């Protein structure tokens, strides 16, 4: 009997991918970034650190970018 109840709950929470996308588009929340600082910079690299609050959580985010140059061999 417990197994059947578990399957019933799983079926109730089943969504098609298109339904999930619509749900997230309708319930999206704008995130606000604070304490934005440049933590490294140079000719080929950069990194930015920021804080973002989501619900009761405070998340620290670091975004890094590295430029890779390629050499043409002739």
PDB file of N, CA and C in Angstrom:
ATOM      1  N   UNK A   1       0.822  -1.183   0.000  1.00  0.00           N
ATOM      2  CA  UNK A   1       0.000   0.000   0.000  1.00  0.00           C
ATOM      3  C   UNK A   1       0.874   1.257   0.000  1.00  0.00           C
ATOM      4  N   UNK A   2       1.950   1.297   0.775  1.00  0.00           N
ATOM      5  CA  UNK A   2       2.827   2.468   0.784  1.00  0.00           C
ATOM      6  C   UNK A   2       3.406   2.715  -0.600  1.00  0.00           C
ATOM      7  N   UNK A   3       3.741   1.632  -1.297  1.00  0.00           N
ATOM      8  CA  UNK A   3       4.301   1.752  -2.645  1.00  0.00           C
ATOM      9  C   UNK A   3       3.301   2.431  -3.577  1.00  0.00           C
ATOM     10  N   UNK A   4       2.030   2.075  -3.489  1.00  0.00           N
ATOM     11  CA  UNK A   4       1.011   2.696  -4.336  1.00  0.00           C
ATOM     12  C   UNK A   4       0.866   4.181  -4.015  1.00  0.00           C
ATOM     13  N   UNK A   5       0.914   4.551  -2.731  1.00  0.00           N
ATOM     14  CA  UNK A   5       0.798   5.958  -2.352  1.00  0.00           C
ATOM     15  C   UNK A   5       1.976   6.744  -2.906  1.00  0.00           C
ATOM     16  N   UNK A   6       3.145   6.140  -2.899  1.00  0.00           N
ATOM     17  CA  UNK A   6       4.329   6.808  -3.414  1.00  0.00           C
ATOM     18  C   UNK A   6       4.201   7.052  -4.917  1.00  0.00           C
ATOM     19  N   UNK A   7       3.694   6.080  -5.637  1.00  0.00           N
ATOM     20  CA  UNK A   7       3.504   6.249  -7.070  1.00  0.00           C
ATOM     21  C   UNK A   7       2.450   7.308  -7.366  1.00  0.00           C
ATOM     22  N   UNK A   8       1.411   7.364  -6.564  1.00  0.00           N
ATOM     23  CA  UNK A   8       0.366   8.371  -6.756  1.00  0.00           C
ATOM     24  C   UNK A   8       0.936   9.762  -6.570  1.00  0.00           C
ATOM     25  N   UNK A   9       1.757   9.967  -5.529  1.00  0.00           N
ATOM     26  CA  UNK A   9       2.362  11.275  -5.295  1.00  0.00           C
ATOM     27  C   UNK A   9       3.305  11.649  -6.434  1.00  0.00           C
ATOM     28  N   UNK A  10       4.047  10.671  -6.935  1.00  0.00           N
ATOM     29  CA  UNK A  10       4.970  10.950  -8.028  1.00  0.00           C
ATOM     30  C   UNK A  10       4.194  11.364  -9.276  1.00  0.00           C
ATOM     31  N   UNK A  11       3.072  10.713  -9.542  1.00  0.00           N
ATOM     32  CA  UNK A  11       2.275  11.045 -10.715  1.00  0.00           C
ATOM     33  C   UNK A  11       1.690  12.447 -10.603  1.00  0.00           C
ATOM     34  N   UNK A  12       1.320  12.863  -9.394  1.00  0.00           N
ATOM     35  CA  UNK A  12       0.754  14.196  -9.203  1.00  0.00           C
ATOM     36  C   UNK A  12       1.795  15.284  -9.431  1.00  0.00           C
ATOM     37  N   UNK A  13       3.065  14.980  -9.208  1.00  0.00           N
ATOM     38  CA  UNK A  13       4.130  15.962  -9.367  1.00  0.00           C
ATOM     39  C   UNK A  13       4.825  15.868 -10.718  1.00  0.00           C
ATOM     40  N   UNK A  14       4.263  15.109 -11.639  1.00  0.00           N
ATOM     41  CA  UNK A  14       4.873  14.950 -12.953  1.00  0.00           C
ATOM     42  C   UNK A  14       4.499  16.136 -13.833  1.00  0.00           C
ATOM     43  N   UNK A  15       5.497  16.738 -14.475  1.00  0.00           N
ATOM     44  CA  UNK A  15       5.266  17.847 -15.394  1.00  0.00           C
ATOM     45  C   UNK A  15       5.968  17.560 -16.707  1.00  0.00           C
ATOM     46  N   UNK A  16       5.372  17.969 -17.780  1.00  0.00           N
ATOM     47  CA  UNK A  16       6.050  17.928 -19.067  1.00  0.00           C
ATOM     48  C   UNK A  16       7.044  19.085 -19.119  1.00  0.00           C
ATOM     49  N   UNK A  17       8.149  18.946 -19.856  1.00  0.00           N
ATOM     50  CA  UNK A  17       9.141  20.028 -19.906  1.00  0.00           C
ATOM     51  C   UNK A  17       8.542  21.376 -20.306  1.00  0.00           C
ATOM     52  N   UNK A  18       7.594  21.389 -21.218  1.00  0.00           N
ATOM     53  CA  UNK A  18       6.986  22.661 -21.625  1.00  0.00           C
ATOM     54  C   UNK A  18       6.204  23.286 -20.478  1.00  0.00           C
ATOM     55  N   UNK A  19       5.577  22.468 -19.620  1.00  0.00           N
ATOM     56  CA  UNK A  19       4.857  22.987 -18.460  1.00  0.00           C
ATOM     57  C   UNK A  19       5.814  23.599 -17.448  1.00  0.00           C
ATOM     58  N   UNK A  20       6.959  22.977 -17.251  1.00  0.00           N
ATOM     59  CA  UNK A  20       7.953  23.482 -16.299  1.00  0.00           C
ATOM     60  C   UNK A  20       8.472  24.828 -16.769  1.00  0.00           C
ATOM     61  N   UNK A  21       8.751  24.960 -18.058  1.00  0.00           N
ATOM     62  CA  UNK A  21       9.244  26.227 -18.594  1.00  0.00           C
ATOM     63  C   UNK A  21       8.216  27.334 -18.373  1.00  0.00           C
ATOM     64  N   UNK A  22       6.964  27.081 -18.662  1.00  0.00           N
ATOM     65  CA  UNK A  22       5.910  28.073 -18.470  1.00  0.00           C
ATOM     66  C   UNK A  22       5.798  28.448 -16.999  1.00  0.00           C
ATOM     67  N   UNK A  23       5.859  27.441 -16.114  1.00  0.00           N
ATOM     68  CA  UNK A  23       5.783  27.711 -14.672  1.00  0.00           C
ATOM     69  C   UNK A  23       6.897  28.647 -14.233  1.00  0.00           C
ATOM     70  N   UNK A  24       8.122  28.375 -14.674  1.00  0.00           N
ATOM     71  CA  UNK A  24       9.253  29.199 -14.258  1.00  0.00           C
ATOM     72  C   UNK A  24       9.190  30.598 -14.859  1.00  0.00           C
ATOM     73  N   UNK A  25       8.683  30.720 -16.080  1.00  0.00           N
ATOM     74  CA  UNK A  25       8.534  32.048 -16.681  1.00  0.00           C
ATOM     75  C   UNK A  25       7.494  32.877 -15.933  1.00  0.00           C
ATOM     76  N   UNK A  26       6.447  32.214 -15.448  1.00  0.00           N
ATOM     77  CA  UNK A  26       5.382  32.923 -14.741  1.00  0.00           C
ATOM     78  C   UNK A  26       5.744  33.262 -13.306  1.00  0.00           C
ATOM     79  N   UNK A  27       6.648  32.502 -12.686  1.00  0.00           N
ATOM     80  CA  UNK A  27       6.968  32.701 -11.268  1.00  0.00           C
ATOM     81  C   UNK A  27       8.394  33.195 -11.047  1.00  0.00           C
ATOM     82  N   UNK A  28       9.042  33.689 -12.081  1.00  0.00           N
ATOM     83  CA  UNK A  28      10.434  34.144 -11.971  1.00  0.00           C
ATOM     84  C   UNK A  28      10.554  35.296 -10.981  1.00  0.00           C
ATOM     85  N   UNK A  29      11.649  35.298 -10.249  1.00  0.00           N
ATOM     86  CA  UNK A  29      11.934  36.366  -9.291  1.00  0.00           C
ATOM     87  C   UNK A  29      13.221  37.071  -9.715  1.00  0.00           C
ATOM     88  N   UNK A  30      13.179  38.393  -9.706  1.00  0.00           N
ATOM     89  CA  UNK A  30      14.366  39.182 -10.029  1.00  0.00           C
ATOM     90  C   UNK A  30      15.327  39.124  -8.847  1.00  0.00           C
ATOM     91  N   UNK A  31      16.578  38.761  -9.091  1.00  0.00           N
ATOM     92  CA  UNK A  31      17.578  38.703  -8.038  1.00  0.00           C
ATOM     93  C   UNK A  31      18.310  40.033  -7.962  1.00  0.00           C
ATOM     94  N   UNK A  32      18.620  40.477  -6.753  1.00  0.00           N
ATOM     95  CA  UNK A  32      19.342  41.730  -6.563  1.00  0.00           C
ATOM     96  C   UNK A  32      20.739  41.435  -6.043  1.00  0.00           C
ATOM     97  N   UNK A  33      21.735  41.870  -6.805  1.00  0.00           N
ATOM     98  CA  UNK A  33      23.126  41.683  -6.433  1.00  0.00           C
ATOM     99  C   UNK A  33      23.614  42.906  -5.674  1.00  0.00           C
ATOM    100  N   UNK A  34      24.344  42.675  -4.584  1.00  0.00           N
ATOM    101  CA  UNK A  34      24.888  43.760  -3.777  1.00  0.00           C
ATOM    102  C   UNK A  34      26.366  43.496  -3.519  1.00  0.00           C
ATOM    103  N   UNK A  35      27.045  44.471  -2.975  1.00  0.00           N
ATOM    104  CA  UNK A  35      28.477  44.352  -2.644  1.00  0.00           C
ATOM    105  C   UNK A  35      29.286  43.825  -3.826  1.00  0.00           C
ATOM    106  N   UNK A  36      29.088  44.450  -4.970  1.00  0.00           N
ATOM    107  CA  UNK A  36      29.785  44.022  -6.189  1.00  0.00           C
ATOM    108  C   UNK A  36      31.188  44.620  -6.198  1.00  0.00           C
ATOM    109  N   UNK A  37      32.192  43.745  -6.320  1.00  0.00           N
ATOM    110  CA  UNK A  37      33.578  44.202  -6.342  1.00  0.00           C
ATOM    111  C   UNK A  37      34.359  43.461  -7.426  1.00  0.00           C
ATOM    112  N   UNK A  38      35.320  44.143  -7.994  1.00  0.00           N
ATOM    113  CA  UNK A  38      36.242  43.519  -8.941  1.00  0.00           C
ATOM    114  C   UNK A  38      37.349  42.894  -8.115  1.00  0.00           C
ATOM    115  N   UNK A  39      37.521  41.579  -8.237  1.00  0.00           N
ATOM    116  CA  UNK A  39      38.525  40.898  -7.422  1.00  0.00           C
ATOM    117  C   UNK A  39      39.818  40.639  -8.183  1.00  0.00           C
ATOM    118  N   UNK A  40      39.763  40.639  -9.506  1.00  0.00           N
ATOM    119  CA  UNK A  40      40.993  40.560 -10.292  1.00  0.00           C
ATOM    120  C   UNK A  40      40.726  41.124 -11.671  1.00  0.00           C
ATOM    121  N   UNK A  41      41.761  41.740 -12.219  1.00  0.00           N
ATOM    122  CA  UNK A  41      41.635  42.288 -13.565  1.00  0.00           C
ATOM    123  C   UNK A  41      42.993  42.309 -14.218  1.00  0.00           C
ATOM    124  N   UNK A  42      42.985  42.181 -15.490  1.00  0.00           N
ATOM    125  CA  UNK A  42      44.224  42.210 -16.252  1.00  0.00           C
ATOM    126  C   UNK A  42      43.895  42.179 -17.724  1.00  0.00           C
ATOM    127  N   UNK A  43      44.908  42.086 -18.562  1.00  0.00           N
ATOM    128  CA  UNK A  43      44.650  42.109 -20.001  1.00  0.00           C
ATOM    129  C   UNK A  43      43.919  40.864 -20.521  1.00  0.00           C
ATOM    130  N   UNK A  44      44.062  39.741 -19.829  1.00  0.00           N
ATOM    131  CA  UNK A  44      43.432  38.512 -20.296  1.00  0.00           C
ATOM    132  C   UNK A  44      42.466  37.891 -19.292  1.00  0.00           C
ATOM    133  N   UNK A  45      42.362  38.444 -18.085  1.00  0.00           N
ATOM    134  CA  UNK A  45      41.505  37.861 -17.049  1.00  0.00           C
ATOM    135  C   UNK A  45      40.746  38.940 -16.306  1.00  0.00           C
ATOM    136  N   UNK A  46      39.580  38.537 -15.788  1.00  0.00           N
ATOM    137  CA  UNK A  46      38.804  39.426 -14.920  1.00  0.00           C
ATOM    138  C   UNK A  46      37.925  38.566 -14.030  1.00  0.00           C
ATOM    139  N   UNK A  47      37.622  39.063 -12.828  1.00  0.00           N
ATOM    140  CA  UNK A  47      36.721  38.364 -11.920  1.00  0.00           C
ATOM    141  C   UNK A  47      35.947  39.396 -11.111  1.00  0.00           C
ATOM    142  N   UNK A  48      34.668  39.142 -10.953  1.00  0.00           N
ATOM    143  CA  UNK A  48      33.783  40.017 -10.194  1.00  0.00           C
ATOM    144  C   UNK A  48      33.111  39.183  -9.117  1.00  0.00           C
ATOM    145  N   UNK A  49      33.062  39.704  -7.886  1.00  0.00           N
ATOM    146  CA  UNK A  49      32.425  39.010  -6.773  1.00  0.00           C
ATOM    147  C   UNK A  49      31.222  39.831  -6.318  1.00  0.00           C
ATOM    148  N   UNK A  50      30.126  39.140  -5.986  1.00  0.00           N
ATOM    149  CA  UNK A  50      28.914  39.831  -5.547  1.00  0.00           C
ATOM    150  C   UNK A  50      28.152  38.954  -4.555  1.00  0.00           C
ATOM    151  N   UNK A  51      27.250  39.585  -3.827  1.00  0.00           N
ATOM    152  CA  UNK A  51      26.347  38.890  -2.905  1.00  0.00           C
ATOM    153  C   UNK A  51      24.948  38.935  -3.508  1.00  0.00           C
ATOM    154  N   UNK A  52      24.203  37.870  -3.358  1.00  0.00           N
ATOM    155  CA  UNK A  52      22.815  37.845  -3.827  1.00  0.00           C
ATOM    156  C   UNK A  52      21.964  37.147  -2.766  1.00  0.00           C
ATOM    157  N   UNK A  53      20.817  37.707  -2.489  1.00  0.00           N
ATOM    158  CA  UNK A  53      19.913  37.124  -1.509  1.00  0.00           C
ATOM    159  C   UNK A  53      18.791  36.408  -2.248  1.00  0.00           C
ATOM    160  N   UNK A  54      18.544  35.155  -1.840  1.00  0.00           N
ATOM    161  CA  UNK A  54      17.455  34.363  -2.396  1.00  0.00           C
ATOM    162  C   UNK A  54      16.703  33.749  -1.223  1.00  0.00           C
ATOM    163  N   UNK A  55      15.518  34.267  -0.944  1.00  0.00           N
ATOM    164  CA  UNK A  55      14.772  33.821   0.224  1.00  0.00           C
ATOM    165  C   UNK A  55      15.519  34.194   1.485  1.00  0.00           C
ATOM    166  N   UNK A  56      15.798  33.214   2.341  1.00  0.00           N
ATOM    167  CA  UNK A  56      16.521  33.434   3.586  1.00  0.00           C
ATOM    168  C   UNK A  56      18.039  33.277   3.410  1.00  0.00           C
ATOM    169  N   UNK A  57      18.459  32.883   2.198  1.00  0.00           N
ATOM    170  CA  UNK A  57      19.879  32.592   1.960  1.00  0.00           C
ATOM    171  C   UNK A  57      20.617  33.796   1.397  1.00  0.00           C
ATOM    172  N   UNK A  58      21.874  33.936   1.792  1.00  0.00           N
ATOM    173  CA  UNK A  58      22.770  34.930   1.227  1.00  0.00           C
ATOM    174  C   UNK A  58      23.873  34.168   0.500  1.00  0.00           C
ATOM    175  N   UNK A  59      23.978  34.373  -0.801  1.00  0.00           N
ATOM    176  CA  UNK A  59      24.882  33.595  -1.639  1.00  0.00           C
ATOM    177  C   UNK A  59      25.991  34.497  -2.162  1.00  0.00           C
ATOM    178  N   UNK A  60      27.218  34.021  -2.088  1.00  0.00           N
ATOM    179  CA  UNK A  60      28.360  34.740  -2.638  1.00  0.00           C
ATOM    180  C   UNK A  60      28.666  34.152  -4.019  1.00  0.00           C
ATOM    181  N   UNK A  61      28.738  35.027  -5.026  1.00  0.00           N
ATOM    182  CA  UNK A  61      28.945  34.596  -6.405  1.00  0.00           C
ATOM    183  C   UNK A  61      30.213  35.245  -6.944  1.00  0.00           C
ATOM    184  N   UNK A  62      31.054  34.447  -7.573  1.00  0.00           N
ATOM    185  CA  UNK A  62      32.232  34.982  -8.262  1.00  0.00           C
ATOM    186  C   UNK A  62      32.144  34.574  -9.723  1.00  0.00           C
ATOM    187  N   UNK A  63      32.198  35.558 -10.604  1.00  0.00           N
ATOM    188  CA  UNK A  63      32.152  35.313 -12.043  1.00  0.00           C
ATOM    189  C   UNK A  63      33.536  35.611 -12.594  1.00  0.00           C
ATOM    190  N   UNK A  64      34.138  34.613 -13.239  1.00  0.00           N
ATOM    191  CA  UNK A  64      35.491  34.758 -13.784  1.00  0.00           C
ATOM    192  C   UNK A  64      35.445  34.653 -15.306  1.00  0.00           C
ATOM    193  N   UNK A  65      36.287  35.430 -15.938  1.00  0.00           N
ATOM    194  CA  UNK A  65      36.380  35.408 -17.386  1.00  0.00           C
ATOM    195  C   UNK A  65      37.852  35.344 -17.765  1.00  0.00           C
ATOM    196  N   UNK A  66      38.174  34.456 -18.675  1.00  0.00           N
ATOM    197  CA  UNK A  66      39.544  34.332 -19.160  1.00  0.00           C
ATOM    198  C   UNK A  66      39.510  34.377 -20.677  1.00  0.00           C
ATOM    199  N   UNK A  67      40.291  35.256 -21.236  1.00  0.00           N
ATOM    200  CA  UNK A  67      40.404  35.355 -22.681  1.00  0.00           C
ATOM    201  C   UNK A  67      41.533  34.449 -23.127  1.00  0.00           C
ATOM    202  N   UNK A  68      41.240  33.549 -24.032  1.00  0.00           N
ATOM    203  CA  UNK A  68      42.265  32.645 -24.548  1.00  0.00           C
ATOM    204  C   UNK A  68      42.561  33.071 -25.978  1.00  0.00           C
ATOM    205  N   UNK A  69      43.796  33.417 -26.196  1.00  0.00           N
ATOM    206  CA  UNK A  69      44.187  33.816 -27.544  1.00  0.00           C
ATOM    207  C   UNK A  69      44.784  32.634 -28.260  1.00  0.00           C
ATOM    208  N   UNK A  70      44.510  32.554 -29.533  1.00  0.00           N
ATOM    209  CA  UNK A  70      45.094  31.456 -30.309  1.00  0.00           C
ATOM    210  C   UNK A  70      46.138  32.036 -31.258  1.00  0.00           C
ATOM    211  N   UNK A  71      47.152  31.266 -31.487  1.00  0.00           N
ATOM    212  CA  UNK A  71      48.229  31.683 -32.378  1.00  0.00           C
ATOM    213  C   UNK A  71      48.042  30.984 -33.718  1.00  0.00           C
ATOM    214  N   UNK A  72      48.128  31.742 -34.760  1.00  0.00           N
ATOM    215  CA  UNK A  72      48.032  31.148 -36.104  1.00  0.00           C
ATOM    216  C   UNK A  72      49.403  30.577 -36.471  1.00  0.00           C
ATOM    217  N   UNK A  73      49.434  29.310 -36.776  1.00  0.00           N
ATOM    218  CA  UNK A  73      50.694  28.665 -37.174  1.00  0.00           C
ATOM    219  C   UNK A  73      50.708  28.600 -38.695  1.00  0.00           C
ATOM    220  N   UNK A  74      51.748  29.157 -39.258  1.00  0.00           N
ATOM    221  CA  UNK A  74      51.859  29.173 -40.727  1.00  0.00           C
ATOM    222  C   UNK A  74      52.980  28.321 -41.203  1.00  0.00           C
TER     223      UNK A  74
END
